[in-house]
Amino acid sequence: MKKDQRKSVVLRGYNTATEANIVRSMLESNGIACFLSNETSVFTPGFFSASSTVLLHVMEEDIEKASSLIDQIPEAFSEEES
């Protein structure tokens, strides 16, 4: 598949941009293209909203590898929402 025809999908959601950026950095250091959305949304403590979740996107062909790498992160450092 040509690079310009690749499709991204939302793999996970995180409560904070810090958590999401840690995971994004780890994936990128393992050769997985990814990006975040909703990174600058407003977070109100005690109130959960799908719009306040920072979303981690990966390319469709990287879902399995990315999931496997994320599953290796200790739970204390990664509390996903989706």
Foldseek 3Di string as FASTA:
>chain_A
DDPVPWDKDFQFWAQALVLVVVLCVVCVVVVWDKDKPLRPPDHDPPDDDPSNIITIMTTPVCNVVSVVVVVPDPPVSDDTDD
